Protein backbone atom coordinates (compact mmCIF):
# COMPACT_ATOMS: atom_id res chain seq x y z
CA MET A 1 23.07 -36.88 56.05
CA SER A 2 22.48 -35.46 59.21
CA PHE A 3 19.49 -35.85 61.20
CA LEU A 4 17.04 -33.20 61.57
CA PRO A 5 13.99 -33.53 64.02
CA ASP A 6 10.79 -33.33 62.67
CA ARG A 7 7.71 -32.21 65.12
CA THR A 8 3.80 -33.40 65.23
CA ILE A 9 1.72 -30.61 66.37
CA THR A 10 -1.91 -31.52 67.52
CA ILE A 11 -4.91 -29.87 68.67
CA SER A 12 -8.35 -30.99 70.05
CA ILE A 13 -11.61 -29.35 67.92
CA ASP A 14 -14.74 -29.60 70.26
CA ARG A 15 -16.45 -30.62 66.97
CA PRO A 16 -17.73 -33.24 65.44
CA TYR A 17 -15.06 -35.74 62.89
CA GLN A 18 -16.99 -35.73 60.36
CA ASP A 19 -17.52 -31.74 60.90
CA VAL A 20 -13.83 -30.86 60.95
CA TYR A 21 -12.51 -33.39 58.55
CA ASN A 22 -15.20 -31.66 55.82
CA PHE A 23 -14.59 -28.45 56.82
CA LEU A 24 -10.47 -29.25 56.21
CA ALA A 25 -11.17 -31.45 53.26
CA GLU A 26 -12.37 -28.03 51.18
CA PRO A 27 -9.25 -25.99 49.51
CA GLU A 28 -11.70 -22.82 50.00
CA ASN A 29 -11.71 -22.97 53.80
CA PHE A 30 -7.69 -23.03 54.08
CA PRO A 31 -7.24 -19.07 54.31
CA LEU A 32 -10.09 -19.09 56.70
CA TRP A 33 -7.52 -20.31 59.31
CA ALA A 34 -4.24 -20.98 57.63
CA GLU A 35 -2.71 -17.20 57.46
CA GLY A 36 0.57 -18.12 56.03
CA LEU A 37 -0.93 -19.59 52.77
CA GLY A 38 -2.44 -15.98 51.93
CA ARG A 39 -4.96 -15.94 49.02
CA LEU A 40 -5.64 -19.16 47.49
CA ASP A 41 -7.50 -18.93 43.85
CA PHE A 42 -7.72 -22.03 41.66
CA ILE A 43 -6.60 -21.00 38.22
CA TYR A 44 -6.22 -23.43 35.38
CA GLY A 45 -6.66 -26.07 37.37
CA ASP A 46 -4.61 -25.59 39.96
CA TRP A 47 -4.51 -24.03 43.26
CA ILE A 48 -1.99 -21.49 43.65
CA VAL A 49 -1.69 -18.84 46.75
CA GLN A 50 0.15 -15.88 46.90
CA THR A 51 3.08 -15.57 48.94
CA PRO A 52 5.87 -13.28 49.89
CA GLN A 53 8.35 -15.48 47.95
CA GLY A 54 5.97 -15.34 45.20
CA PRO A 55 3.12 -17.76 43.84
CA MET A 56 3.07 -21.33 45.07
CA SER A 57 0.88 -24.14 43.66
CA ILE A 58 -0.81 -26.57 46.18
CA ARG A 59 -2.30 -30.11 45.67
CA PHE A 60 -4.44 -31.51 48.08
CA THR A 61 -5.44 -34.88 49.00
CA ILE A 62 -8.65 -35.73 47.53
CA ARG A 63 -11.63 -36.71 49.78
CA ASN A 64 -11.25 -40.28 51.80
CA SER A 65 -12.50 -42.10 54.47
CA PHE A 66 -9.03 -42.08 56.59
CA GLY A 67 -9.34 -38.70 57.90
CA ILE A 68 -6.07 -37.51 55.67
CA VAL A 69 -5.97 -34.08 54.85
CA ASP A 70 -1.95 -33.82 53.64
CA HIS A 71 -1.16 -31.41 51.00
CA TYR A 72 1.56 -30.65 48.78
CA ILE A 73 2.99 -27.15 48.38
CA THR A 74 5.25 -26.41 45.08
CA VAL A 75 7.69 -23.53 46.33
CA PRO A 76 9.04 -21.55 43.77
CA ASP A 77 12.08 -23.28 42.65
CA GLY A 78 10.08 -26.65 42.00
CA LYS A 79 10.87 -28.47 45.12
CA GLU A 80 7.53 -30.01 46.58
CA ILE A 81 7.07 -29.73 50.34
CA TYR A 82 4.60 -32.87 51.63
CA VAL A 83 2.30 -31.32 54.44
CA PRO A 84 1.14 -34.81 56.06
CA MET A 85 -2.19 -33.76 58.04
CA ARG A 86 -5.17 -36.03 59.60
CA VAL A 87 -8.64 -35.64 61.52
CA ILE A 88 -8.87 -38.41 64.24
CA GLU A 89 -12.32 -38.83 65.80
CA SER A 90 -11.27 -38.41 69.45
CA GLY A 91 -14.79 -39.06 71.85
CA GLU A 92 -17.25 -36.44 70.26
CA GLY A 93 -14.78 -34.32 69.00
CA ALA A 94 -11.62 -34.56 66.86
CA GLN A 95 -8.00 -34.26 66.90
CA VAL A 96 -6.04 -32.60 64.11
CA ILE A 97 -2.32 -33.77 63.67
CA PHE A 98 0.10 -31.91 61.65
CA THR A 99 3.70 -32.66 61.26
CA LEU A 100 5.97 -30.49 60.45
CA PHE A 101 9.36 -31.32 58.28
CA HIS A 102 12.75 -29.85 59.30
CA ARG A 103 13.98 -29.42 55.78
CA PRO A 104 18.04 -29.46 54.90
CA ASP A 105 17.29 -25.96 53.66
CA MET A 106 16.35 -24.37 56.95
CA THR A 107 18.11 -22.94 59.85
CA PHE A 108 16.68 -24.29 63.41
CA GLU A 109 15.70 -20.44 63.90
CA GLN A 110 13.21 -20.82 60.87
CA PHE A 111 11.82 -24.54 61.74
CA GLU A 112 11.58 -23.26 65.51
CA ASN A 113 9.52 -19.87 63.44
CA ASP A 114 7.28 -22.23 61.42
CA ILE A 115 6.72 -24.49 64.35
CA GLN A 116 5.27 -21.10 65.92
CA LEU A 117 3.01 -20.29 62.80
CA VAL A 118 1.80 -23.36 62.64
CA GLU A 119 0.35 -23.31 65.71
CA LYS A 120 -1.09 -20.05 65.47
CA ASP A 121 -3.02 -21.51 62.46
CA LEU A 122 -4.23 -24.77 64.66
CA TYR A 123 -5.75 -22.39 67.37
CA LYS A 124 -7.46 -20.21 64.54
CA LEU A 125 -8.46 -23.68 62.76
CA LYS A 126 -10.22 -24.30 66.56
CA THR A 127 -11.68 -21.04 67.45
CA THR A 128 -13.07 -20.96 63.50
CA LEU A 129 -14.64 -24.61 63.62
CA GLU A 130 -15.70 -23.98 67.58
CA GLU A 131 -17.08 -20.48 67.07
CA LYS A 132 -19.13 -21.63 64.11
CA HIS A 133 -20.82 -24.05 65.79
CA ASP A 134 -21.77 -21.73 69.09
CA ARG A 135 -23.62 -19.35 66.40
């Protein structure tokens, strides 16, 4: 078994912790900032996202008092990908922490591309929440 490096990506958001957590705890909000998800539908009790690879199901962590907003994506071949995500209080704002695992089926180039996509999505999350507050 070879070691594959993971990446933890953080972003500061100039909004109160509770606002950021409440936004992220609602699955309906994910398409507003996570472009990689595409359209998200609730079908027969499951969250389904339409992707270029086909439909994938996503299950989200239930609301909690710890700032945990993990989600689990089931890809078309049935494998489940764990996506840990946290919101923590940081002064009057919040930090969002996203860990991306380098899966064995990914090349280093694919992993680097995923890092860039996550960074772009987190920046979109930041601007979405901060602009929403400015209005």
